[in-house]
Amino acid sequence: TIPLNVVIERLKQGLPPVELKNEKDFYLTPGDLVYVPTEDEIENIDLFKHNEIPIDKRKNIYKVVSFTGYQIFCVKQEIAIPIINKTEFSSLNKMERSLEGKMIKEICLKLKIDRLGNISL
């Protein structure tokens, strides 16, 4: 977690909000969408990243809700509010794991979405 005053100071200096160590690094903010790849997509990650394997827009897209320490909490992108409060996902109505049981923070890929709704990695 990076303090807001640090981000503002970096932006004033013309720097990106976060210093990334290598090209595989990325940063997330609440409201960003991430994709949790399937086992097949993980095995062919290079083909997937070059859009040779299309993103399945109907599943595995999660919206980042919040962070605490080293944890990331998300909800499925199609969920507005839970049907049964505090029992459907967890006591906070957020999840750290995908519906398949995978840790989201370990395998997620940040999605880029343009104004027309086109999705890319």
Protein backbone atom coordinates (compact mmCIF):
# COMPACT_ATOMS: atom_id res chain seq x y z
CA THR A 1 0.00 0.00 0.00
CA ILE A 2 1.40 3.35 -1.04
CA PRO A 3 0.32 6.50 0.83
CA LEU A 4 -1.66 9.02 -1.18
CA ASN A 5 0.77 11.87 -0.45
CA VAL A 6 3.63 9.82 -1.97
CA VAL A 7 1.58 9.15 -5.12
CA ILE A 8 0.66 12.85 -5.46
CA GLU A 9 4.29 13.92 -5.05
CA ARG A 10 5.42 11.43 -7.71
CA LEU A 11 2.74 12.67 -10.13
CA LYS A 12 3.82 16.30 -9.52
CA GLN A 13 7.36 15.33 -10.50
CA GLY A 14 6.10 13.76 -13.74
CA LEU A 15 6.80 10.21 -12.55
CA PRO A 16 4.39 7.28 -12.68
CA PRO A 17 2.38 6.78 -9.46
CA VAL A 18 4.32 3.63 -8.54
CA GLU A 19 7.88 2.54 -9.24
CA LEU A 20 7.71 -0.85 -10.95
CA LYS A 21 10.73 -3.12 -10.62
CA ASN A 22 10.27 -5.13 -13.85
CA GLU A 23 7.89 -5.43 -16.80
CA LYS A 24 5.75 -8.11 -15.13
CA ASP A 25 4.88 -5.84 -12.19
CA PHE A 26 1.67 -3.82 -12.10
CA TYR A 27 -0.29 -1.86 -9.53
CA LEU A 28 -3.96 -2.04 -8.62
CA THR A 29 -6.43 0.41 -7.16
CA PRO A 30 -9.97 -0.25 -5.91
CA GLY A 31 -12.32 -0.57 -8.85
CA ASP A 32 -9.74 -2.13 -11.20
CA LEU A 33 -10.69 -5.34 -12.99
CA VAL A 34 -8.46 -8.41 -12.88
CA TYR A 35 -8.65 -11.70 -14.73
CA VAL A 36 -7.98 -15.02 -13.01
CA PRO A 37 -6.71 -17.38 -15.74
CA THR A 38 -7.66 -21.05 -15.91
CA GLU A 39 -5.10 -23.87 -15.72
CA ASP A 40 -4.91 -24.07 -19.54
CA GLU A 41 -4.36 -20.33 -19.83
CA ILE A 42 -1.62 -20.43 -17.19
CA GLU A 43 0.23 -23.14 -19.14
CA ASN A 44 0.01 -21.05 -22.35
CA ILE A 45 0.44 -17.64 -20.73
CA ASP A 46 2.52 -16.18 -23.60
CA LEU A 47 -0.17 -17.03 -26.18
CA PHE A 48 -2.79 -15.67 -23.81
CA LYS A 49 -0.98 -12.35 -23.27
CA HIS A 50 -0.59 -11.81 -27.03
CA ASN A 51 -4.38 -12.22 -27.49
CA GLU A 52 -3.98 -15.49 -29.41
CA ILE A 53 -6.23 -17.06 -26.77
CA PRO A 54 -9.26 -14.80 -26.19
CA ILE A 55 -10.40 -13.71 -22.72
CA ASP A 56 -13.62 -15.41 -21.68
CA LYS A 57 -15.67 -12.34 -20.74
CA ARG A 58 -18.35 -14.39 -19.02
CA LYS A 59 -16.20 -15.73 -16.20
CA ASN A 60 -13.12 -15.19 -14.07
CA ILE A 61 -13.24 -11.38 -14.06
CA TYR A 62 -13.08 -9.86 -10.58
CA LYS A 63 -13.33 -6.27 -9.35
CA VAL A 64 -10.79 -5.14 -6.75
CA VAL A 65 -12.60 -3.85 -3.67
CA SER A 66 -9.94 -3.23 -1.02
CA PHE A 67 -6.54 -4.12 0.38
CA THR A 68 -5.19 -4.80 3.86
CA GLY A 69 -1.48 -5.45 4.32
CA TYR A 70 -0.64 -8.27 1.93
CA GLN A 71 -4.25 -9.21 1.22
CA ILE A 72 -6.41 -8.25 -1.75
CA PHE A 73 -10.19 -8.48 -1.60
CA CYS A 74 -12.32 -8.81 -4.72
CA VAL A 75 -15.84 -9.63 -5.86
CA LYS A 76 -17.03 -11.16 -9.11
CA GLN A 77 -17.57 -8.37 -11.62
CA GLU A 78 -21.21 -9.26 -12.24
CA ILE A 79 -22.22 -9.09 -8.56
CA ALA A 80 -23.83 -5.84 -7.42
CA ILE A 81 -24.75 -6.89 -3.86
CA PRO A 82 -24.86 -10.31 -2.20
CA ILE A 83 -28.19 -12.09 -1.89
CA ILE A 84 -27.56 -13.17 1.72
CA ASN A 85 -25.51 -10.55 3.54
CA LYS A 86 -22.27 -11.74 5.22
CA THR A 87 -22.78 -15.42 4.37
CA GLU A 88 -22.46 -15.70 0.61
CA PHE A 89 -18.72 -14.90 0.39
CA SER A 90 -17.38 -14.00 3.84
CA SER A 91 -18.22 -11.83 6.78
CA LEU A 92 -16.98 -8.80 4.79
CA ASN A 93 -18.84 -9.73 1.55
CA LYS A 94 -15.46 -9.91 -0.21
CA MET A 95 -13.24 -12.77 -1.29
CA GLU A 96 -9.54 -13.43 -1.32
CA ARG A 97 -9.92 -16.61 -3.36
CA SER A 98 -11.63 -17.16 -6.69
CA LEU A 99 -14.72 -19.36 -6.84
CA GLU A 100 -12.41 -22.20 -7.94
CA GLY A 101 -10.37 -21.77 -4.72
CA LYS A 102 -7.26 -20.08 -6.22
CA MET A 103 -5.63 -17.13 -4.47
CA ILE A 104 -6.48 -14.15 -6.67
CA LYS A 105 -3.35 -12.14 -5.82
CA GLU A 106 -1.02 -14.94 -6.91
CA ILE A 107 -2.29 -15.41 -10.47
CA CYS A 108 -4.36 -12.36 -11.44
CA LEU A 109 -3.70 -10.30 -14.54
CA LYS A 110 -4.71 -6.64 -14.68
CA LEU A 111 -7.19 -5.87 -17.44
CA LYS A 112 -7.10 -2.73 -19.56
CA ILE A 113 -10.52 -1.58 -20.72
CA ASP A 114 -10.97 1.30 -23.14
CA ARG A 115 -13.97 3.61 -23.39
CA LEU A 116 -15.66 1.32 -25.90
CA GLY A 117 -15.40 -1.68 -23.59
CA ASN A 118 -12.62 -3.47 -25.46
CA ILE A 119 -10.66 -5.68 -23.06
CA SER A 120 -6.92 -6.37 -23.29
CA LEU A 121 -4.11 -7.39 -20.95
